Protein backbone atom coordinates (compact mmCIF):
# COMPACT_ATOMS: atom_id res chain seq x y z
CA MET A 1 0.36 0.02 0.31
CA LYS A 2 1.19 3.42 -0.96
CA SER A 3 -0.16 7.03 -0.23
CA ALA A 4 -1.91 8.94 -3.29
CA SER A 5 1.17 10.47 -4.26
CA GLY A 6 3.16 7.11 -4.53
CA THR A 7 5.26 8.07 -1.41
CA ILE A 8 5.42 5.67 1.49
CA THR A 9 4.23 7.41 4.75
CA LEU A 10 4.11 7.07 8.46
CA ARG A 11 0.87 6.39 7.76
CA ASP A 12 1.36 3.40 5.41
CA VAL A 13 3.89 2.15 8.15
CA ALA A 14 1.57 2.40 10.80
CA GLU A 15 -1.37 0.89 8.97
CA ARG A 16 0.88 -2.19 7.95
CA ALA A 17 1.91 -2.24 11.47
CA GLY A 18 -1.27 -2.12 13.24
CA VAL A 19 -0.20 0.95 15.67
CA SER A 20 -0.88 4.80 15.95
CA ILE A 21 1.31 7.01 13.79
CA THR A 22 2.44 8.98 16.84
CA THR A 23 4.17 5.41 17.68
CA VAL A 24 5.55 4.99 14.35
CA SER A 25 7.23 8.51 14.27
CA ARG A 26 8.37 7.70 17.74
CA ILE A 27 10.53 4.74 16.89
CA LEU A 28 11.51 5.61 13.31
CA ASN A 29 12.56 9.26 14.39
CA GLY A 30 14.60 8.05 17.62
CA ARG A 31 12.12 10.00 20.04
CA GLU A 32 11.81 8.75 23.31
CA THR A 33 8.94 9.80 25.72
CA GLY A 34 7.92 8.76 29.13
CA VAL A 35 5.60 5.88 27.70
CA PRO A 36 7.64 2.93 26.95
CA VAL A 37 7.01 0.76 23.74
CA ARG A 38 7.12 -3.05 23.73
CA GLU A 39 10.24 -4.84 22.05
CA ALA A 40 7.78 -6.64 20.03
CA THR A 41 5.71 -3.68 18.86
CA ARG A 42 9.16 -2.11 18.07
CA GLU A 43 10.10 -4.41 15.79
CA ARG A 44 7.01 -4.82 14.07
CA ILE A 45 7.51 -1.16 13.04
CA LEU A 46 10.63 -1.80 12.10
CA ALA A 47 9.84 -4.69 9.96
CA ALA A 48 7.09 -2.95 8.52
CA ALA A 49 9.04 -0.05 7.51
CA LYS A 50 11.38 -2.33 5.77
CA ASP A 51 9.18 -4.43 4.13
CA LEU A 52 7.70 -1.28 2.37
CA GLY A 53 10.51 0.56 1.71
CA TYR A 54 9.86 3.35 4.03
CA LYS A 55 12.53 6.19 3.77
CA PRO A 56 12.23 9.45 5.86
CA ASN A 57 11.54 12.76 4.36
CA LEU A 58 14.87 14.64 5.64
CA LEU A 59 13.70 18.01 4.39
CA ALA A 60 10.58 17.72 6.52
CA ARG A 61 12.12 16.43 9.64
CA ALA A 62 14.61 19.51 9.05
CA LEU A 63 12.05 21.83 9.02
CA ARG A 64 10.19 20.51 12.20
CA GLY A 65 13.62 21.44 13.90
CA SER A 66 14.93 18.43 13.97
CA SER A 67 18.42 17.36 12.43
CA SER A 68 18.16 16.84 8.53
CA SER A 69 21.07 14.47 8.55
CA LEU A 70 22.33 15.98 5.35
CA LEU A 71 25.55 17.47 4.95
CA GLY A 72 26.73 19.98 2.25
CA VAL A 73 30.24 19.48 0.67
CA ILE A 74 31.50 22.23 -1.23
CA VAL A 75 34.41 20.81 -3.31
CA ARG A 76 36.94 23.59 -5.41
CA ASP A 77 37.57 20.71 -8.45
CA ILE A 78 35.53 17.25 -7.97
CA SER A 79 37.93 16.34 -10.96
CA ASP A 80 41.12 16.46 -8.31
CA PRO A 81 42.10 13.58 -7.88
CA PHE A 82 43.31 13.98 -4.46
CA HIS A 83 39.55 15.27 -3.87
CA ALA A 84 38.38 12.34 -4.86
CA GLN A 85 40.50 10.41 -2.15
CA VAL A 86 39.02 13.34 0.61
CA LEU A 87 35.63 12.71 -0.63
CA ARG A 88 36.19 9.05 0.04
CA GLY A 89 36.72 9.30 3.55
CA VAL A 90 34.42 11.80 4.02
CA ASN A 91 31.39 9.63 2.62
CA ARG A 92 32.72 6.43 4.63
CA VAL A 93 32.23 8.46 7.88
CA ALA A 94 28.81 10.18 6.58
CA GLN A 95 27.49 6.58 6.10
CA VAL A 96 28.68 5.07 9.20
CA ARG A 97 27.25 8.02 11.19
CA GLY A 98 23.82 8.11 9.23
CA TYR A 99 24.50 11.35 7.05
CA ARG A 100 23.94 11.87 3.38
CA LEU A 101 26.02 14.45 1.17
CA PHE A 102 25.14 17.19 -1.02
CA LEU A 103 27.91 18.08 -3.27
CA GLY A 104 28.60 21.37 -5.22
CA HIS A 105 31.01 21.84 -7.45
CA VAL A 106 32.92 25.61 -7.38
CA ASP A 107 35.40 25.04 -10.05
CA TYR A 108 37.39 27.38 -8.03
CA GLN A 109 35.10 30.43 -7.95
CA PRO A 110 34.25 31.98 -4.66
CA ASP A 111 30.77 33.70 -5.64
CA VAL A 112 29.85 29.97 -6.78
CA ALA A 113 30.67 29.10 -3.10
CA ALA A 114 28.74 31.52 -1.63
CA ILE A 115 25.90 30.40 -4.05
CA TYR A 116 26.15 26.84 -2.69
CA GLY A 117 26.46 28.05 0.96
CA SER A 118 22.51 29.49 0.35
CA MET A 119 21.42 26.57 -1.14
CA PHE A 120 22.52 23.90 1.49
CA GLU A 121 21.12 26.61 4.03
CA GLN A 122 17.84 26.84 2.31
CA SER A 123 18.14 22.49 2.36
CA HIS A 124 18.62 22.66 6.39
CA ALA A 125 22.15 20.95 5.85
CA ASP A 126 23.33 20.02 9.66
CA GLY A 127 26.73 21.33 8.18
CA ILE A 128 29.03 22.22 5.39
CA LEU A 129 32.91 20.96 4.54
CA VAL A 130 34.56 23.14 2.28
CA MET A 131 37.09 20.93 0.22
CA GLY A 132 40.21 22.68 -1.27
CA ASP A 133 41.15 26.28 -1.43
CA ILE A 134 39.91 28.69 -3.25
CA LYS A 135 42.04 31.78 -4.41
CA GLY A 136 40.37 35.19 -2.69
CA GLY A 137 37.96 33.01 -1.26
CA ASP A 138 38.14 34.19 2.44
CA ALA A 139 34.79 36.45 1.94
CA ALA A 140 32.82 32.90 0.58
CA ILE A 141 34.40 31.23 4.00
CA ASP A 142 33.46 34.30 6.26
CA ASP A 143 29.95 34.32 4.77
CA LEU A 144 29.43 30.72 5.21
CA ALA A 145 30.77 31.27 8.87
CA ASP A 146 28.26 34.15 9.62
CA ARG A 147 25.10 32.04 8.51
CA HIS A 148 26.40 28.41 9.66
CA ASP A 149 27.56 27.60 13.24
CA HIS A 150 29.02 24.26 11.56
CA VAL A 151 31.41 24.76 8.80
CA VAL A 152 34.67 22.49 8.36
CA GLY A 153 37.89 22.94 5.79
CA VAL A 154 39.53 20.21 4.41
CA SER A 155 42.84 20.44 2.30
CA ASP A 156 41.63 24.48 2.30
CA ARG A 157 44.79 26.15 3.86
CA VAL A 158 48.22 26.38 4.64
CA GLY A 159 47.19 28.31 8.42
CA PRO A 160 44.29 28.82 10.56
CA ARG A 161 41.32 30.27 9.15
CA ARG A 162 37.75 31.44 10.72
CA VAL A 163 36.38 27.90 10.60
CA PRO A 164 38.26 24.71 12.06
CA GLY A 165 39.94 22.92 9.45
CA VAL A 166 42.07 19.62 8.69
CA TYR A 167 45.20 20.28 6.39
CA VAL A 168 48.65 18.83 5.89
CA ASP A 169 52.00 20.69 7.29
CA ASN A 170 52.82 21.97 3.89
CA VAL A 171 56.58 23.14 5.10
CA ARG A 172 57.52 19.75 6.01
CA GLY A 173 56.14 17.85 3.16
CA THR A 174 58.22 19.92 1.17
CA ILE A 175 61.54 19.61 3.14
CA LEU A 176 60.88 15.86 3.24
CA ALA A 177 60.83 15.75 -0.88
CA LEU A 178 64.03 17.92 -0.77
CA GLU A 179 66.07 16.06 1.95
CA HIS A 180 64.93 13.16 -0.22
CA LEU A 181 66.65 14.65 -3.43
CA TRP A 182 69.69 15.98 -1.63
CA ASP A 183 70.51 12.85 -0.03
CA LEU A 184 70.46 11.19 -3.48
CA GLY A 185 73.10 13.60 -4.49
CA HIS A 186 70.95 16.27 -6.38
CA ARG A 187 71.88 19.86 -6.54
CA THR A 188 70.40 21.47 -9.44
CA ILE A 189 67.03 20.97 -8.56
CA VAL A 190 64.10 23.10 -10.20
CA CYS A 191 60.37 23.57 -8.76
CA VAL A 192 56.99 23.19 -10.15
CA ALA A 193 53.99 24.81 -8.53
CA ASP A 194 50.38 25.80 -9.21
CA GLU A 195 50.23 29.70 -8.39
CA ARG A 196 46.31 29.55 -7.84
CA MET A 197 46.31 28.05 -4.72
CA ALA A 198 47.59 28.75 -1.55
CA ASP A 199 49.84 25.60 -1.35
CA GLY A 200 51.57 26.01 -4.12
CA PRO A 201 53.51 29.14 -3.54
CA VAL A 202 54.12 28.27 0.00
CA ARG A 203 56.18 24.84 -1.06
CA ALA A 204 57.83 26.99 -3.62
CA ARG A 205 58.71 29.32 -1.05
CA THR A 206 59.94 26.76 0.80
CA TYR A 207 61.96 25.05 -1.89
CA GLU A 208 63.50 28.49 -2.55
CA ARG A 209 64.61 28.74 1.23
CA PHE A 210 65.90 25.13 1.26
CA MET A 211 67.95 26.10 -1.71
CA GLN A 212 69.56 28.71 -0.19
CA GLU A 213 70.08 27.33 3.45
CA HIS A 214 72.49 24.77 1.76
CA GLY A 215 74.10 27.30 -0.42
CA MET A 216 72.28 26.57 -3.75
CA ALA A 217 70.47 29.98 -4.27
CA ASP A 218 72.24 30.63 -7.59
CA ARG A 219 70.54 27.12 -8.76
CA ALA A 220 67.23 27.72 -7.78
CA ARG A 221 64.49 28.19 -10.43
CA VAL A 222 60.78 28.30 -9.64
CA TYR A 223 58.09 27.57 -12.45
CA PHE A 224 54.51 28.30 -11.90
CA THR A 225 51.64 26.61 -14.10
CA THR A 226 48.16 27.97 -14.05
CA GLN A 227 46.14 24.94 -13.38
CA PRO A 228 47.05 21.92 -11.36
CA ASP A 229 46.46 18.81 -14.15
CA PRO A 230 49.15 17.39 -16.08
CA GLU A 231 48.56 19.32 -19.23
CA PRO A 232 49.99 23.12 -18.41
CA SER A 233 52.92 20.87 -16.49
CA TYR A 234 53.19 18.93 -19.66
CA ARG A 235 53.70 22.15 -22.15
CA LEU A 236 55.93 23.52 -19.53
CA GLY A 237 58.14 20.30 -19.26
CA ARG A 238 58.04 20.39 -23.00
CA GLU A 239 60.06 23.69 -23.06
CA LEU A 240 62.03 23.19 -20.04
CA PHE A 241 63.19 19.37 -21.25
CA GLY A 242 63.87 21.15 -24.78
CA HIS A 243 67.05 22.28 -23.76
CA PHE A 244 68.56 19.14 -21.80
CA ASP A 245 72.11 19.02 -23.12
CA ARG A 246 72.96 22.17 -21.83
CA PRO A 247 75.50 21.98 -18.49
CA SER A 248 72.79 23.72 -16.55
CA ARG A 249 70.10 21.27 -16.71
CA PRO A 250 68.23 20.20 -13.55
CA THR A 251 69.12 16.47 -12.48
CA ALA A 252 65.95 16.96 -10.37
CA VAL A 253 62.22 18.45 -10.19
CA PHE A 254 60.26 19.09 -7.08
CA ALA A 255 56.63 19.07 -8.16
CA ALA A 256 54.08 20.30 -5.71
CA SER A 257 51.36 17.73 -7.04
CA ASP A 258 51.40 14.56 -8.40
CA THR A 259 49.17 15.79 -11.20
CA ILE A 260 52.12 18.26 -12.16
CA ALA A 261 54.47 15.47 -11.69
CA ILE A 262 52.64 13.32 -14.05
CA GLY A 263 52.73 16.19 -16.48
CA LEU A 264 56.32 16.47 -16.17
CA LEU A 265 56.99 12.60 -16.77
CA GLN A 266 55.02 12.86 -20.05
CA ALA A 267 57.46 15.58 -21.25
CA ALA A 268 60.24 13.65 -20.18
CA PHE A 269 59.21 10.98 -22.21
CA GLN A 270 58.65 12.90 -25.35
CA ALA A 271 61.95 14.34 -24.70
CA ARG A 272 63.79 11.12 -24.83
CA ILE A 273 64.80 11.90 -20.62
CA VAL A 274 64.93 8.76 -18.87
CA VAL A 275 63.35 8.88 -15.64
CA PRO A 276 65.07 8.04 -13.03
CA GLU A 277 68.49 7.38 -14.68
CA GLN A 278 68.57 10.92 -16.23
CA LEU A 279 66.05 12.71 -14.50
CA SER A 280 64.35 12.42 -10.91
CA ILE A 281 61.12 13.69 -10.02
CA VAL A 282 59.10 13.86 -6.92
CA GLY A 283 55.39 14.97 -6.38
CA PHE A 284 53.50 15.61 -3.72
CA ASP A 285 49.90 14.23 -2.81
CA ASP A 286 50.12 10.47 -3.31
CA ILE A 287 46.84 10.45 -5.43
CA ASP A 288 45.97 6.94 -6.34
CA ILE A 289 47.28 6.75 -9.99
CA ALA A 290 51.16 7.56 -8.44
CA SER A 291 51.90 4.10 -8.30
CA PHE A 292 50.94 2.98 -11.50
CA THR A 293 52.76 5.80 -13.59
CA ILE A 294 55.77 4.99 -15.27
CA PRO A 295 58.17 4.67 -13.42
CA PRO A 296 55.93 4.93 -10.36
CA LEU A 297 56.12 8.00 -8.64
CA THR A 298 58.28 9.24 -5.34
CA THR A 299 56.10 11.45 -3.84
CA ILE A 300 55.06 13.06 -0.50
CA SER A 301 51.57 11.48 0.97
CA GLN A 302 48.89 13.67 2.40
CA SER A 303 46.50 10.77 3.64
CA GLY A 304 43.76 11.96 1.60
CA VAL A 305 41.28 9.52 2.70
CA GLU A 306 42.30 9.78 6.20
CA MET A 307 42.12 13.73 6.01
CA GLY A 308 38.45 13.11 5.01
CA ARG A 309 37.32 10.82 7.74
CA ILE A 310 38.99 13.31 10.68
CA ALA A 311 37.16 16.59 8.52
CA ALA A 312 34.09 14.73 8.83
CA ASP A 313 34.53 13.34 12.32
CA MET A 314 34.95 16.60 13.30
CA LEU A 315 32.10 18.32 11.44
CA LEU A 316 29.83 15.64 12.72
CA ASP A 317 31.24 15.82 16.41
CA MET A 318 30.36 19.61 16.15
CA ILE A 319 26.84 18.91 14.74
CA GLU A 320 25.90 16.48 17.53
CA GLY A 321 27.56 18.26 20.37
CA ASP A 322 25.94 21.72 18.87
CA ASP A 323 29.55 23.00 19.51
CA PRO A 324 30.44 26.34 17.15
CA GLY A 325 33.49 25.65 14.60
CA ARG A 326 35.13 28.56 16.43
CA ARG A 327 35.89 26.78 19.52
CA VAL A 328 37.29 23.66 17.47
CA GLU A 329 41.02 23.76 16.59
CA ASP A 330 42.61 22.62 13.54
CA VAL A 331 44.02 19.11 12.99
CA ILE A 332 47.65 19.42 10.70
CA VAL A 333 48.13 16.26 9.16
CA ALA A 334 51.44 15.08 9.24
CA PRO A 335 53.20 14.21 5.59
CA LEU A 336 54.95 10.92 4.50
CA LEU A 337 57.49 10.56 1.97
CA VAL A 338 56.89 7.83 -0.27
CA VAL A 339 59.75 6.47 -2.30
CA ARG A 340 59.00 4.88 -5.29
CA GLN A 341 60.71 4.33 -8.54
CA SER A 342 61.20 7.98 -10.02
CA THR A 343 64.04 9.00 -7.92
CA ALA A 344 67.43 7.75 -8.08
CA PRO A 345 71.10 8.94 -7.07
CA VAL A 346 72.42 11.84 -9.41
CA PRO A 347 74.21 10.14 -12.32
CA LEU A 348 78.21 10.93 -12.22
CA GLN A 349 77.80 12.37 -15.70
CA VAL A 350 74.04 12.84 -17.26
CA PRO A 351 73.97 11.45 -20.90
CA ALA A 352 72.42 13.40 -23.71
CA PRO A 353 68.61 12.17 -24.05
CA GLY A 354 67.81 10.04 -27.18
């Protein structure tokens, strides 16, 4: 039996179980009163709801002032493979704790983030998670914080912001990558980073400071791409590796993201430069495909899935504890060097490509 609209309602479940709508609502919505419900009745109601395929109207529940069990997720770039890792972690925690996700892709645009924030507010989302930093997006974050008590950022910053967040120690991760190359004997190391996001310039500045502190400031070279995907770094790599026979050629590249590193790997292949025999490349992120590139990519792991889990638990703890975000401390994830086959000791003499 279904209602006239075709949707299973509390009335349908009540009629199947032979009890009142009030009793069904108490059991299915978890509301306890002073009048106990017998276990046999509880089981009969749950069995009826399962048999009928009853699904709660989360929006209606929110309009009545209860939890909607909905989370809004504002994603900077849904195509970013690192964000896909983080999202898996968020989704796993949400499922275990009985929440559903609304997903909004902003494509780096702060104004779109603000629009999604309004949409999630109208949908009575219990909390909002912002995934990935957006250049010039502090105003959007402030707007979200003004209108929502429960907002958490993940991989969206390089330091504290108005709302709590989960992010990697970018400086430590960069140093781990550079110390690895240095220990392999590399001295002519260049850096390629994405200039649009906050973490790219921070990693580039850390690289420059490292080279200066190690007496190699004159060899430091930073190249910026306009996008974090492989295509721009591939084009840059074609230019960079086009004169690989020069004495000043790099023996190693620190790429500020794995997608940048993948573009450089392809450019090296096209230029007939053998990695790692002639050139070492290290990335940053440890995305899923990093272990399947040719050669497998040495990189810095941010533990994306774990970051997502931490951020989701942080947000849900805030919601269920009714704890405003300003009283929650950031979680800074420790990076980990993952050594694969894209790095090797610097050759005594680098042969010309081809």
